[in-house]
N, C-alpha and C. Protein backbone atom coordinates (compact mmCIF):
# COMPACT_ATOMS: atom_id res chain seq x y z
N MET A 1 0.84 -1.18 0.00
CA MET A 1 0.00 0.00 0.00
C MET A 1 0.88 1.24 0.00
N VAL A 2 0.57 2.18 -0.89
CA VAL A 2 1.30 3.45 -0.96
C VAL A 2 0.28 4.56 -0.76
N ILE A 3 0.39 5.26 0.36
CA ILE A 3 -0.64 6.21 0.74
C ILE A 3 -0.01 7.55 1.12
N PHE A 4 -0.78 8.61 0.90
CA PHE A 4 -0.28 9.97 1.09
C PHE A 4 -1.15 10.75 2.07
N SER A 5 -0.52 11.54 2.92
CA SER A 5 -1.17 12.53 3.78
C SER A 5 -2.26 11.94 4.67
N LEU A 6 -3.48 12.46 4.55
CA LEU A 6 -4.56 12.07 5.44
C LEU A 6 -4.91 10.59 5.33
N GLY A 7 -4.65 10.01 4.17
CA GLY A 7 -4.94 8.59 3.99
C GLY A 7 -3.94 7.69 4.69
N GLY A 8 -2.82 8.26 5.15
CA GLY A 8 -1.78 7.46 5.76
C GLY A 8 -2.22 6.70 6.99
N PHE A 9 -2.91 7.39 7.89
CA PHE A 9 -3.36 6.74 9.11
C PHE A 9 -4.40 5.66 8.79
N THR A 10 -5.29 5.96 7.85
CA THR A 10 -6.29 4.98 7.42
C THR A 10 -5.62 3.74 6.86
N ALA A 11 -4.53 3.94 6.11
CA ALA A 11 -3.80 2.81 5.53
C ALA A 11 -3.19 1.93 6.62
N LEU A 12 -2.66 2.55 7.66
CA LEU A 12 -2.08 1.78 8.76
C LEU A 12 -3.14 0.94 9.45
N VAL A 13 -4.31 1.54 9.66
CA VAL A 13 -5.41 0.79 10.28
C VAL A 13 -5.81 -0.38 9.40
N ALA A 14 -5.88 -0.15 8.09
CA ALA A 14 -6.25 -1.22 7.15
C ALA A 14 -5.19 -2.32 7.13
N ALA A 15 -3.92 -1.93 7.20
CA ALA A 15 -2.84 -2.92 7.19
C ALA A 15 -2.88 -3.80 8.43
N VAL A 16 -3.20 -3.20 9.56
CA VAL A 16 -3.30 -3.97 10.80
C VAL A 16 -4.48 -4.94 10.74
N GLY A 17 -5.57 -4.50 10.12
CA GLY A 17 -6.76 -5.34 10.03
C GLY A 17 -6.71 -6.37 8.93
N SER A 18 -5.75 -6.24 7.99
CA SER A 18 -5.65 -7.17 6.86
C SER A 18 -4.21 -7.62 6.68
N GLN A 19 -3.65 -8.17 7.72
CA GLN A 19 -2.22 -8.49 7.72
C GLN A 19 -1.84 -9.55 6.68
N LYS A 20 -2.76 -10.44 6.33
CA LYS A 20 -2.45 -11.47 5.34
C LYS A 20 -2.42 -10.91 3.93
N GLN A 21 -3.13 -9.82 3.70
CA GLN A 21 -3.19 -9.23 2.36
C GLN A 21 -2.15 -8.13 2.15
N VAL A 22 -1.70 -7.50 3.21
CA VAL A 22 -0.78 -6.36 3.10
C VAL A 22 0.63 -6.81 3.47
N VAL A 23 1.56 -6.66 2.53
CA VAL A 23 2.94 -7.09 2.78
C VAL A 23 3.88 -5.91 3.03
N GLY A 24 3.37 -4.70 2.88
CA GLY A 24 4.19 -3.52 3.13
C GLY A 24 3.36 -2.26 3.01
N VAL A 25 3.76 -1.23 3.75
CA VAL A 25 3.06 0.06 3.70
C VAL A 25 4.09 1.17 3.48
N ALA A 26 3.81 2.03 2.50
CA ALA A 26 4.65 3.20 2.24
C ALA A 26 3.82 4.45 2.49
N LEU A 27 4.32 5.32 3.36
CA LEU A 27 3.61 6.54 3.71
C LEU A 27 4.38 7.76 3.22
N LEU A 28 3.66 8.68 2.62
CA LEU A 28 4.24 9.94 2.17
C LEU A 28 3.64 11.07 3.00
N ASN A 29 4.45 11.64 3.88
CA ASN A 29 4.02 12.75 4.75
C ASN A 29 2.64 12.48 5.35
N SER A 30 2.59 11.42 6.10
CA SER A 30 1.32 10.93 6.64
C SER A 30 0.77 11.79 7.77
N ALA A 31 -0.55 11.82 7.84
CA ALA A 31 -1.23 12.46 8.97
C ALA A 31 -1.35 11.45 10.11
N GLY A 32 -1.92 11.89 11.22
CA GLY A 32 -2.09 11.03 12.39
C GLY A 32 -1.43 11.65 13.60
N GLN A 33 -2.01 11.38 14.76
CA GLN A 33 -1.51 11.97 16.00
C GLN A 33 -0.90 10.91 16.90
N PHE A 34 0.08 11.33 17.69
CA PHE A 34 0.65 10.45 18.69
C PHE A 34 -0.17 10.55 19.98
N GLY A 35 -0.16 9.48 20.74
CA GLY A 35 -0.90 9.48 21.99
C GLY A 35 -0.20 10.28 23.07
N ASN A 36 -0.96 10.70 24.05
CA ASN A 36 -0.42 11.41 25.20
C ASN A 36 -0.21 10.41 26.33
N PRO A 37 1.06 10.10 26.66
CA PRO A 37 1.32 9.07 27.69
C PRO A 37 0.77 9.44 29.06
N ASN A 38 0.55 10.74 29.28
CA ASN A 38 0.04 11.19 30.58
C ASN A 38 -1.47 11.39 30.58
N GLY A 39 -2.08 11.19 29.40
CA GLY A 39 -3.52 11.41 29.30
C GLY A 39 -4.31 10.25 29.86
N GLU A 40 -5.46 10.55 30.39
CA GLU A 40 -6.35 9.54 30.92
C GLU A 40 -7.61 9.46 30.07
N ILE A 41 -8.00 8.24 29.72
CA ILE A 41 -9.20 8.04 28.90
C ILE A 41 -10.40 7.81 29.81
N ASN A 42 -11.38 8.64 29.65
CA ASN A 42 -12.58 8.51 30.47
C ASN A 42 -13.57 7.58 29.79
N ARG A 43 -13.78 6.39 30.36
CA ARG A 43 -14.67 5.41 29.76
C ARG A 43 -15.96 5.23 30.58
N SER A 44 -16.29 6.21 31.38
CA SER A 44 -17.50 6.12 32.19
C SER A 44 -18.74 6.14 31.29
N GLU A 45 -19.79 5.49 31.74
CA GLU A 45 -21.02 5.43 30.96
C GLU A 45 -21.71 6.79 30.94
N ASP A 46 -22.37 7.04 29.81
CA ASP A 46 -23.09 8.31 29.67
C ASP A 46 -24.35 8.30 30.51
N SER A 47 -24.65 9.45 31.08
CA SER A 47 -25.90 9.59 31.82
C SER A 47 -27.05 9.74 30.82
N THR A 48 -28.27 9.66 31.31
CA THR A 48 -29.45 9.81 30.45
C THR A 48 -29.45 11.18 29.77
N LEU A 49 -29.07 12.21 30.53
CA LEU A 49 -29.01 13.56 29.99
C LEU A 49 -28.00 13.65 28.85
N GLN A 50 -26.82 13.05 29.06
CA GLN A 50 -25.79 13.08 28.02
C GLN A 50 -26.21 12.29 26.79
N LYS A 51 -26.81 11.13 27.00
CA LYS A 51 -27.15 10.23 25.90
C LYS A 51 -28.26 10.75 25.02
N PHE A 52 -29.29 11.33 25.62
CA PHE A 52 -30.48 11.68 24.85
C PHE A 52 -30.61 13.18 24.55
N ILE A 53 -29.83 14.01 25.22
CA ILE A 53 -29.95 15.45 24.98
C ILE A 53 -28.62 16.07 24.54
N LEU A 54 -27.59 15.93 25.38
CA LEU A 54 -26.33 16.59 25.09
C LEU A 54 -25.63 16.03 23.86
N LYS A 55 -25.60 14.70 23.73
CA LYS A 55 -24.93 14.10 22.57
C LYS A 55 -25.60 14.46 21.25
N PRO A 56 -26.95 14.37 21.14
CA PRO A 56 -27.60 14.78 19.89
C PRO A 56 -27.36 16.25 19.56
N LEU A 57 -27.39 17.11 20.59
CA LEU A 57 -27.13 18.53 20.36
C LEU A 57 -25.69 18.75 19.89
N LYS A 58 -24.77 18.00 20.49
CA LYS A 58 -23.37 18.11 20.09
C LYS A 58 -23.18 17.68 18.65
N GLU A 59 -23.87 16.61 18.24
CA GLU A 59 -23.74 16.12 16.87
C GLU A 59 -24.30 17.13 15.88
N ILE A 60 -25.43 17.75 16.22
CA ILE A 60 -26.01 18.77 15.34
C ILE A 60 -25.04 19.93 15.17
N PHE A 61 -24.46 20.37 16.28
CA PHE A 61 -23.51 21.48 16.24
C PHE A 61 -22.29 21.12 15.39
N GLN A 62 -21.78 19.90 15.59
CA GLN A 62 -20.62 19.45 14.82
C GLN A 62 -20.93 19.40 13.33
N ARG A 63 -22.11 18.91 12.98
CA ARG A 63 -22.47 18.80 11.57
C ARG A 63 -22.57 20.18 10.92
N VAL A 64 -23.12 21.14 11.64
CA VAL A 64 -23.24 22.50 11.09
C VAL A 64 -21.86 23.11 10.89
N VAL A 65 -21.02 23.03 11.92
CA VAL A 65 -19.69 23.64 11.86
C VAL A 65 -18.82 22.95 10.81
N LEU A 66 -18.77 21.62 10.86
CA LEU A 66 -17.93 20.89 9.91
C LEU A 66 -18.46 20.99 8.49
N GLY A 67 -19.79 21.09 8.36
CA GLY A 67 -20.37 21.27 7.03
C GLY A 67 -19.92 22.58 6.41
N PHE A 68 -19.90 23.64 7.22
CA PHE A 68 -19.45 24.94 6.73
C PHE A 68 -17.96 24.90 6.39
N LEU A 69 -17.17 24.27 7.26
CA LEU A 69 -15.73 24.19 7.02
C LEU A 69 -15.43 23.41 5.74
N PHE A 70 -16.20 22.34 5.50
CA PHE A 70 -15.99 21.55 4.28
C PHE A 70 -16.36 22.36 3.05
N TRP A 71 -17.49 23.08 3.12
CA TRP A 71 -17.90 23.93 2.00
C TRP A 71 -16.83 24.96 1.70
N GLN A 72 -16.28 25.55 2.74
CA GLN A 72 -15.24 26.57 2.58
C GLN A 72 -13.97 25.96 2.00
N ALA A 73 -13.61 24.76 2.49
CA ALA A 73 -12.36 24.13 2.08
C ALA A 73 -12.35 23.71 0.61
N LYS A 74 -13.53 23.43 0.04
CA LYS A 74 -13.57 22.93 -1.34
C LYS A 74 -13.74 24.03 -2.38
N GLN A 75 -13.71 25.29 -1.96
CA GLN A 75 -13.77 26.38 -2.92
C GLN A 75 -12.45 26.48 -3.69
N PRO A 76 -12.49 26.72 -5.00
CA PRO A 76 -11.27 26.74 -5.82
C PRO A 76 -10.18 27.66 -5.29
N ALA A 77 -10.56 28.86 -4.88
CA ALA A 77 -9.56 29.81 -4.39
C ALA A 77 -8.90 29.30 -3.11
N ARG A 78 -9.70 28.67 -2.25
CA ARG A 78 -9.17 28.13 -1.00
C ARG A 78 -8.23 26.97 -1.27
N ILE A 79 -8.61 26.08 -2.19
CA ILE A 79 -7.77 24.94 -2.54
C ILE A 79 -6.43 25.42 -3.08
N GLU A 80 -6.48 26.39 -3.99
CA GLU A 80 -5.24 26.91 -4.57
C GLU A 80 -4.35 27.55 -3.51
N SER A 81 -4.95 28.28 -2.59
CA SER A 81 -4.19 28.94 -1.54
C SER A 81 -3.49 27.92 -0.63
N VAL A 82 -4.22 26.87 -0.25
CA VAL A 82 -3.65 25.84 0.61
C VAL A 82 -2.52 25.11 -0.10
N LEU A 83 -2.73 24.76 -1.36
CA LEU A 83 -1.70 24.05 -2.12
C LEU A 83 -0.42 24.87 -2.23
N LYS A 84 -0.56 26.15 -2.46
CA LYS A 84 0.62 27.00 -2.59
C LYS A 84 1.37 27.15 -1.27
N SER A 85 0.67 26.91 -0.17
CA SER A 85 1.33 27.02 1.14
C SER A 85 2.14 25.77 1.48
N VAL A 86 1.85 24.64 0.81
CA VAL A 86 2.55 23.39 1.14
C VAL A 86 3.47 22.90 0.02
N TYR A 87 3.40 23.53 -1.15
CA TYR A 87 4.31 23.20 -2.24
C TYR A 87 5.51 24.14 -2.18
N ILE A 88 6.70 23.58 -2.24
CA ILE A 88 7.90 24.41 -2.29
C ILE A 88 8.00 25.09 -3.65
N ASN A 89 7.72 24.33 -4.70
CA ASN A 89 7.69 24.88 -6.06
C ASN A 89 6.23 25.12 -6.44
N THR A 90 5.77 26.35 -6.29
CA THR A 90 4.35 26.65 -6.51
C THR A 90 3.95 26.58 -7.98
N SER A 91 4.92 26.43 -8.89
CA SER A 91 4.56 26.30 -10.30
C SER A 91 3.83 24.99 -10.56
N ASN A 92 3.95 24.04 -9.63
CA ASN A 92 3.22 22.77 -9.76
C ASN A 92 1.73 22.94 -9.50
N VAL A 93 1.36 24.03 -8.86
CA VAL A 93 -0.05 24.27 -8.54
C VAL A 93 -0.72 24.91 -9.75
N ASP A 94 -1.37 24.09 -10.56
CA ASP A 94 -2.04 24.60 -11.75
C ASP A 94 -3.52 24.25 -11.71
N ASP A 95 -4.23 24.61 -12.77
CA ASP A 95 -5.68 24.37 -12.82
C ASP A 95 -6.01 22.88 -12.75
N TYR A 96 -5.16 22.07 -13.37
CA TYR A 96 -5.40 20.62 -13.37
C TYR A 96 -5.35 20.06 -11.95
N LEU A 97 -4.36 20.51 -11.17
CA LEU A 97 -4.23 20.03 -9.79
C LEU A 97 -5.41 20.47 -8.94
N VAL A 98 -5.79 21.73 -9.08
CA VAL A 98 -6.94 22.24 -8.32
C VAL A 98 -8.21 21.47 -8.68
N GLU A 99 -8.41 21.22 -9.97
CA GLU A 99 -9.59 20.50 -10.44
C GLU A 99 -9.59 19.06 -9.93
N SER A 100 -8.41 18.44 -9.84
CA SER A 100 -8.33 17.05 -9.38
C SER A 100 -8.75 16.91 -7.92
N ILE A 101 -8.66 17.99 -7.16
CA ILE A 101 -9.11 17.98 -5.77
C ILE A 101 -10.58 18.38 -5.67
N MET A 102 -11.00 19.29 -6.52
CA MET A 102 -12.40 19.73 -6.51
C MET A 102 -13.35 18.62 -6.92
N ARG A 103 -12.93 17.78 -7.86
CA ARG A 103 -13.82 16.77 -8.42
C ARG A 103 -14.34 15.79 -7.36
N PRO A 104 -13.47 15.13 -6.58
CA PRO A 104 -14.00 14.23 -5.55
C PRO A 104 -14.75 14.96 -4.44
N ALA A 105 -14.36 16.22 -4.18
CA ALA A 105 -15.03 17.00 -3.14
C ALA A 105 -16.46 17.34 -3.53
N ALA A 106 -16.76 17.27 -4.83
CA ALA A 106 -18.11 17.58 -5.32
C ALA A 106 -19.05 16.38 -5.25
N ASP A 107 -18.51 15.21 -4.90
CA ASP A 107 -19.35 14.02 -4.79
C ASP A 107 -20.42 14.25 -3.71
N PRO A 108 -21.65 13.78 -3.93
CA PRO A 108 -22.73 14.00 -2.95
C PRO A 108 -22.42 13.45 -1.55
N ASN A 109 -21.58 12.42 -1.48
CA ASN A 109 -21.26 11.82 -0.18
C ASN A 109 -19.97 12.36 0.44
N ALA A 110 -19.32 13.28 -0.24
CA ALA A 110 -18.03 13.78 0.25
C ALA A 110 -18.16 14.47 1.60
N GLY A 111 -19.22 15.25 1.78
CA GLY A 111 -19.42 15.95 3.04
C GLY A 111 -19.58 15.00 4.21
N GLU A 112 -20.31 13.90 3.99
CA GLU A 112 -20.51 12.92 5.06
C GLU A 112 -19.20 12.21 5.40
N VAL A 113 -18.41 11.91 4.38
CA VAL A 113 -17.10 11.29 4.62
C VAL A 113 -16.22 12.22 5.45
N TYR A 114 -16.23 13.49 5.10
CA TYR A 114 -15.44 14.49 5.83
C TYR A 114 -15.90 14.56 7.29
N TYR A 115 -17.20 14.57 7.49
CA TYR A 115 -17.74 14.64 8.85
C TYR A 115 -17.32 13.43 9.68
N ARG A 116 -17.46 12.24 9.12
CA ARG A 116 -17.12 11.03 9.87
C ARG A 116 -15.63 10.97 10.17
N LEU A 117 -14.83 11.38 9.20
CA LEU A 117 -13.38 11.36 9.39
C LEU A 117 -12.98 12.31 10.51
N MET A 118 -13.51 13.52 10.47
CA MET A 118 -13.14 14.52 11.46
C MET A 118 -13.61 14.14 12.86
N THR A 119 -14.84 13.64 12.96
CA THR A 119 -15.37 13.32 14.29
C THR A 119 -14.75 12.05 14.86
N ARG A 120 -14.48 11.07 14.00
CA ARG A 120 -13.96 9.80 14.52
C ARG A 120 -12.49 9.87 14.86
N PHE A 121 -11.68 10.43 13.96
CA PHE A 121 -10.25 10.43 14.17
C PHE A 121 -9.75 11.70 14.86
N MET A 122 -10.16 12.84 14.36
CA MET A 122 -9.62 14.09 14.88
C MET A 122 -10.15 14.44 16.26
N LEU A 123 -11.41 14.11 16.53
CA LEU A 123 -12.00 14.46 17.81
C LEU A 123 -11.91 13.34 18.83
N ASN A 124 -11.28 12.22 18.46
CA ASN A 124 -11.07 11.11 19.39
C ASN A 124 -9.61 10.68 19.34
N GLN A 125 -8.73 11.66 19.53
CA GLN A 125 -7.31 11.40 19.37
C GLN A 125 -6.75 10.48 20.45
N SER A 126 -7.42 10.37 21.58
CA SER A 126 -6.94 9.47 22.62
C SER A 126 -7.18 8.01 22.25
N THR A 127 -8.13 7.77 21.34
CA THR A 127 -8.44 6.40 20.92
C THR A 127 -7.69 6.02 19.66
N TYR A 128 -7.66 6.92 18.68
CA TYR A 128 -7.02 6.64 17.40
C TYR A 128 -5.67 7.35 17.35
N THR A 129 -4.61 6.63 17.67
CA THR A 129 -3.27 7.22 17.69
C THR A 129 -2.30 6.38 16.88
N LEU A 130 -1.24 7.02 16.42
CA LEU A 130 -0.21 6.30 15.68
C LEU A 130 0.46 5.26 16.57
N ASP A 131 0.65 5.59 17.83
CA ASP A 131 1.30 4.65 18.75
C ASP A 131 0.56 3.32 18.80
N SER A 132 -0.77 3.40 18.99
CA SER A 132 -1.56 2.19 19.16
C SER A 132 -1.59 1.35 17.89
N VAL A 133 -1.65 2.01 16.73
CA VAL A 133 -1.70 1.27 15.47
C VAL A 133 -0.34 0.67 15.13
N LEU A 134 0.72 1.43 15.32
CA LEU A 134 2.06 0.93 15.01
C LEU A 134 2.44 -0.26 15.90
N SER A 135 1.90 -0.30 17.10
CA SER A 135 2.20 -1.42 18.00
C SER A 135 1.63 -2.74 17.49
N LYS A 136 0.67 -2.66 16.55
CA LYS A 136 0.04 -3.87 16.01
C LYS A 136 0.49 -4.17 14.58
N LEU A 137 1.28 -3.28 13.99
CA LEU A 137 1.72 -3.46 12.61
C LEU A 137 2.78 -4.56 12.55
N THR A 138 2.76 -5.37 11.48
CA THR A 138 3.71 -6.48 11.36
C THR A 138 4.53 -6.44 10.07
N CYS A 139 4.16 -5.58 9.12
CA CYS A 139 4.85 -5.57 7.83
C CYS A 139 5.87 -4.43 7.75
N PRO A 140 6.77 -4.47 6.76
CA PRO A 140 7.74 -3.38 6.59
C PRO A 140 7.04 -2.05 6.31
N LEU A 141 7.65 -0.98 6.80
CA LEU A 141 7.09 0.36 6.64
C LEU A 141 8.13 1.27 5.99
N LEU A 142 7.72 1.98 4.95
CA LEU A 142 8.59 2.95 4.28
C LEU A 142 8.02 4.34 4.47
N LEU A 143 8.87 5.27 4.88
CA LEU A 143 8.48 6.67 5.02
C LEU A 143 9.22 7.50 3.99
N LEU A 144 8.49 8.09 3.07
CA LEU A 144 9.06 9.01 2.10
C LEU A 144 8.60 10.40 2.52
N TRP A 145 9.53 11.19 3.07
CA TRP A 145 9.12 12.39 3.79
C TRP A 145 9.70 13.66 3.19
N GLY A 146 8.81 14.58 2.82
CA GLY A 146 9.22 15.90 2.40
C GLY A 146 9.57 16.73 3.62
N ASP A 147 10.85 16.98 3.83
CA ASP A 147 11.30 17.64 5.06
C ASP A 147 10.88 19.10 5.16
N LEU A 148 10.47 19.69 4.04
CA LEU A 148 10.10 21.11 4.04
C LEU A 148 8.60 21.31 4.20
N ASP A 149 7.91 20.26 4.56
CA ASP A 149 6.46 20.31 4.76
C ASP A 149 6.13 21.18 5.98
N PRO A 150 5.32 22.24 5.80
CA PRO A 150 4.96 23.09 6.94
C PRO A 150 3.95 22.45 7.88
N TRP A 151 3.31 21.36 7.45
CA TRP A 151 2.29 20.69 8.27
C TRP A 151 2.88 19.56 9.10
N VAL A 152 3.55 18.63 8.44
CA VAL A 152 4.13 17.47 9.15
C VAL A 152 5.61 17.37 8.77
N GLY A 153 6.45 17.94 9.59
CA GLY A 153 7.88 17.98 9.31
C GLY A 153 8.59 16.68 9.62
N PRO A 154 9.91 16.66 9.47
CA PRO A 154 10.70 15.43 9.65
C PRO A 154 10.69 14.88 11.07
N THR A 155 10.38 15.72 12.05
CA THR A 155 10.34 15.24 13.44
C THR A 155 9.32 14.11 13.59
N LYS A 156 8.22 14.23 12.89
CA LYS A 156 7.18 13.20 12.97
C LYS A 156 7.67 11.89 12.38
N ALA A 157 8.36 11.96 11.26
CA ALA A 157 8.89 10.75 10.63
C ALA A 157 9.90 10.07 11.56
N ASN A 158 10.74 10.86 12.19
CA ASN A 158 11.73 10.30 13.11
C ASN A 158 11.06 9.62 14.29
N ARG A 159 9.98 10.21 14.76
CA ARG A 159 9.25 9.62 15.90
C ARG A 159 8.61 8.29 15.51
N ILE A 160 8.06 8.23 14.30
CA ILE A 160 7.47 6.97 13.82
C ILE A 160 8.53 5.88 13.76
N LYS A 161 9.71 6.24 13.26
CA LYS A 161 10.79 5.26 13.14
C LYS A 161 11.25 4.78 14.51
N GLU A 162 11.23 5.67 15.49
CA GLU A 162 11.60 5.28 16.85
C GLU A 162 10.61 4.27 17.43
N ILE A 163 9.33 4.48 17.12
CA ILE A 163 8.29 3.61 17.66
C ILE A 163 8.27 2.26 16.95
N TYR A 164 8.44 2.28 15.62
CA TYR A 164 8.35 1.05 14.83
C TYR A 164 9.69 0.77 14.16
N SER A 165 10.40 -0.22 14.65
CA SER A 165 11.77 -0.46 14.21
C SER A 165 11.89 -0.93 12.76
N ASN A 166 10.87 -1.61 12.25
CA ASN A 166 10.92 -2.13 10.87
C ASN A 166 10.53 -1.03 9.88
N THR A 167 11.22 0.11 10.01
CA THR A 167 10.90 1.29 9.20
C THR A 167 12.12 1.74 8.42
N THR A 168 11.90 2.05 7.15
CA THR A 168 12.92 2.67 6.31
C THR A 168 12.50 4.11 6.05
N LEU A 169 13.39 5.05 6.34
CA LEU A 169 13.06 6.46 6.20
C LEU A 169 13.94 7.10 5.13
N MET A 170 13.29 7.80 4.20
CA MET A 170 14.02 8.57 3.19
C MET A 170 13.55 10.01 3.26
N ASN A 171 14.47 10.89 3.61
CA ASN A 171 14.16 12.32 3.71
C ASN A 171 14.38 12.99 2.35
N LEU A 172 13.41 13.80 1.95
CA LEU A 172 13.44 14.44 0.64
C LEU A 172 13.32 15.96 0.79
N GLN A 173 13.98 16.67 -0.09
CA GLN A 173 13.87 18.13 -0.10
C GLN A 173 12.62 18.52 -0.88
N ALA A 174 11.50 18.40 -0.21
CA ALA A 174 10.21 18.69 -0.83
C ALA A 174 9.24 19.12 0.25
N GLY A 175 8.07 19.58 -0.18
CA GLY A 175 7.04 19.98 0.75
C GLY A 175 6.12 18.83 1.10
N HIS A 176 4.82 19.12 1.23
CA HIS A 176 3.86 18.12 1.66
C HIS A 176 3.57 17.06 0.59
N CYS A 177 3.91 17.34 -0.65
CA CYS A 177 3.59 16.42 -1.76
C CYS A 177 4.86 15.99 -2.49
N PRO A 178 5.72 15.20 -1.87
CA PRO A 178 6.98 14.81 -2.51
C PRO A 178 6.79 14.03 -3.80
N HIS A 179 5.71 13.26 -3.90
CA HIS A 179 5.47 12.48 -5.12
C HIS A 179 5.21 13.37 -6.32
N ASP A 180 4.81 14.62 -6.08
CA ASP A 180 4.54 15.56 -7.17
C ASP A 180 5.72 16.49 -7.40
N GLU A 181 6.47 16.78 -6.34
CA GLU A 181 7.59 17.71 -6.46
C GLU A 181 8.89 17.03 -6.87
N VAL A 182 9.13 15.83 -6.35
CA VAL A 182 10.34 15.08 -6.73
C VAL A 182 9.94 13.65 -7.08
N PRO A 183 9.13 13.47 -8.13
CA PRO A 183 8.60 12.13 -8.46
C PRO A 183 9.68 11.11 -8.79
N GLU A 184 10.78 11.56 -9.40
CA GLU A 184 11.84 10.61 -9.76
C GLU A 184 12.44 9.97 -8.52
N LEU A 185 12.69 10.77 -7.49
CA LEU A 185 13.27 10.25 -6.26
C LEU A 185 12.28 9.34 -5.53
N VAL A 186 11.03 9.73 -5.52
CA VAL A 186 10.00 8.92 -4.85
C VAL A 186 9.84 7.58 -5.54
N ASN A 187 9.75 7.58 -6.87
CA ASN A 187 9.57 6.33 -7.61
C ASN A 187 10.77 5.41 -7.46
N ARG A 188 11.97 5.99 -7.49
CA ARG A 188 13.18 5.18 -7.33
C ARG A 188 13.22 4.53 -5.95
N ALA A 189 12.89 5.30 -4.93
CA ALA A 189 12.89 4.76 -3.56
C ALA A 189 11.85 3.67 -3.40
N LEU A 190 10.68 3.86 -4.00
CA LEU A 190 9.63 2.85 -3.92
C LEU A 190 10.05 1.54 -4.58
N LEU A 191 10.65 1.65 -5.76
CA LEU A 191 11.08 0.45 -6.49
C LEU A 191 12.15 -0.31 -5.72
N GLU A 192 13.10 0.41 -5.15
CA GLU A 192 14.16 -0.24 -4.37
C GLU A 192 13.59 -0.93 -3.14
N TRP A 193 12.69 -0.24 -2.46
CA TRP A 193 12.09 -0.81 -1.25
C TRP A 193 11.25 -2.04 -1.57
N MET A 194 10.46 -1.97 -2.64
CA MET A 194 9.63 -3.11 -3.02
C MET A 194 10.47 -4.31 -3.44
N SER A 195 11.60 -4.05 -4.09
CA SER A 195 12.46 -5.15 -4.49
C SER A 195 13.05 -5.87 -3.28
N ASN A 196 13.22 -5.13 -2.19
CA ASN A 196 13.77 -5.73 -0.97
C ASN A 196 12.73 -6.54 -0.20
N ILE A 197 11.45 -6.19 -0.33
CA ILE A 197 10.44 -6.95 0.41
C ILE A 197 9.84 -8.06 -0.44
N GLU A 198 10.16 -8.10 -1.74
CA GLU A 198 9.63 -9.16 -2.61
C GLU A 198 10.02 -10.56 -2.16
N PRO A 199 11.29 -10.80 -1.74
CA PRO A 199 11.63 -12.15 -1.26
C PRO A 199 10.77 -12.58 -0.08
N GLN A 200 10.43 -11.63 0.82
CA GLN A 200 9.58 -11.96 1.95
C GLN A 200 8.19 -12.36 1.47
N VAL A 201 7.70 -11.67 0.44
CA VAL A 201 6.38 -11.97 -0.10
C VAL A 201 6.36 -13.37 -0.69
N CYS A 202 7.42 -13.72 -1.43
CA CYS A 202 7.50 -15.04 -2.06
C CYS A 202 7.50 -16.15 -1.01
N LEU A 203 8.24 -15.94 0.08
CA LEU A 203 8.31 -16.94 1.13
C LEU A 203 6.95 -17.13 1.79
N ARG A 204 6.20 -16.04 1.94
CA ARG A 204 4.90 -16.12 2.60
C ARG A 204 3.87 -16.81 1.73
N THR A 205 4.09 -16.82 0.41
CA THR A 205 3.10 -17.43 -0.49
C THR A 205 3.39 -18.90 -0.75
N LEU A 206 4.56 -19.40 -0.31
CA LEU A 206 4.89 -20.81 -0.52
C LEU A 206 4.11 -21.71 0.42
């Protein structure tokens, strides 16, 4: 599996849940949060007030706020502005790139996907963490990391490698989208990494 940005954490979860099908995961500037070792998870049961009044009201509020944020985020000018903030070479940000992001965002179900993603992963960071998922991962992991990314810098990649020893890290002079800014380096690294894990795949299929 080769996954980029926000899909990175989802890919790790999928790899853990489908270990027989996934023989390796490559992440490019992946999203995801680390757990707080000092944090306490409150698992107490909800009261009647919380279950039937406060939770529904909270969900309505979240849907309104996140719905507006999603509408704002998928506007062409906003997409172009965000892309230019994470690309080192802004000449890569053209109409084709903006359109490629607008198209899936226009799907009728895109807003619901955004809502579920934000509420499940982003608002429950104590439950969905990189630490917990990496502790269950069993396959080789490749990190192709644009070190000039203003969102997820190289410190995050180094932390992932510290947590999961079966990790290969390649640092690249690129922003958040190394596959678009330095595609030759990304493709070469992927091919080399895959050639190294192929013998393991063959042994597992015998």
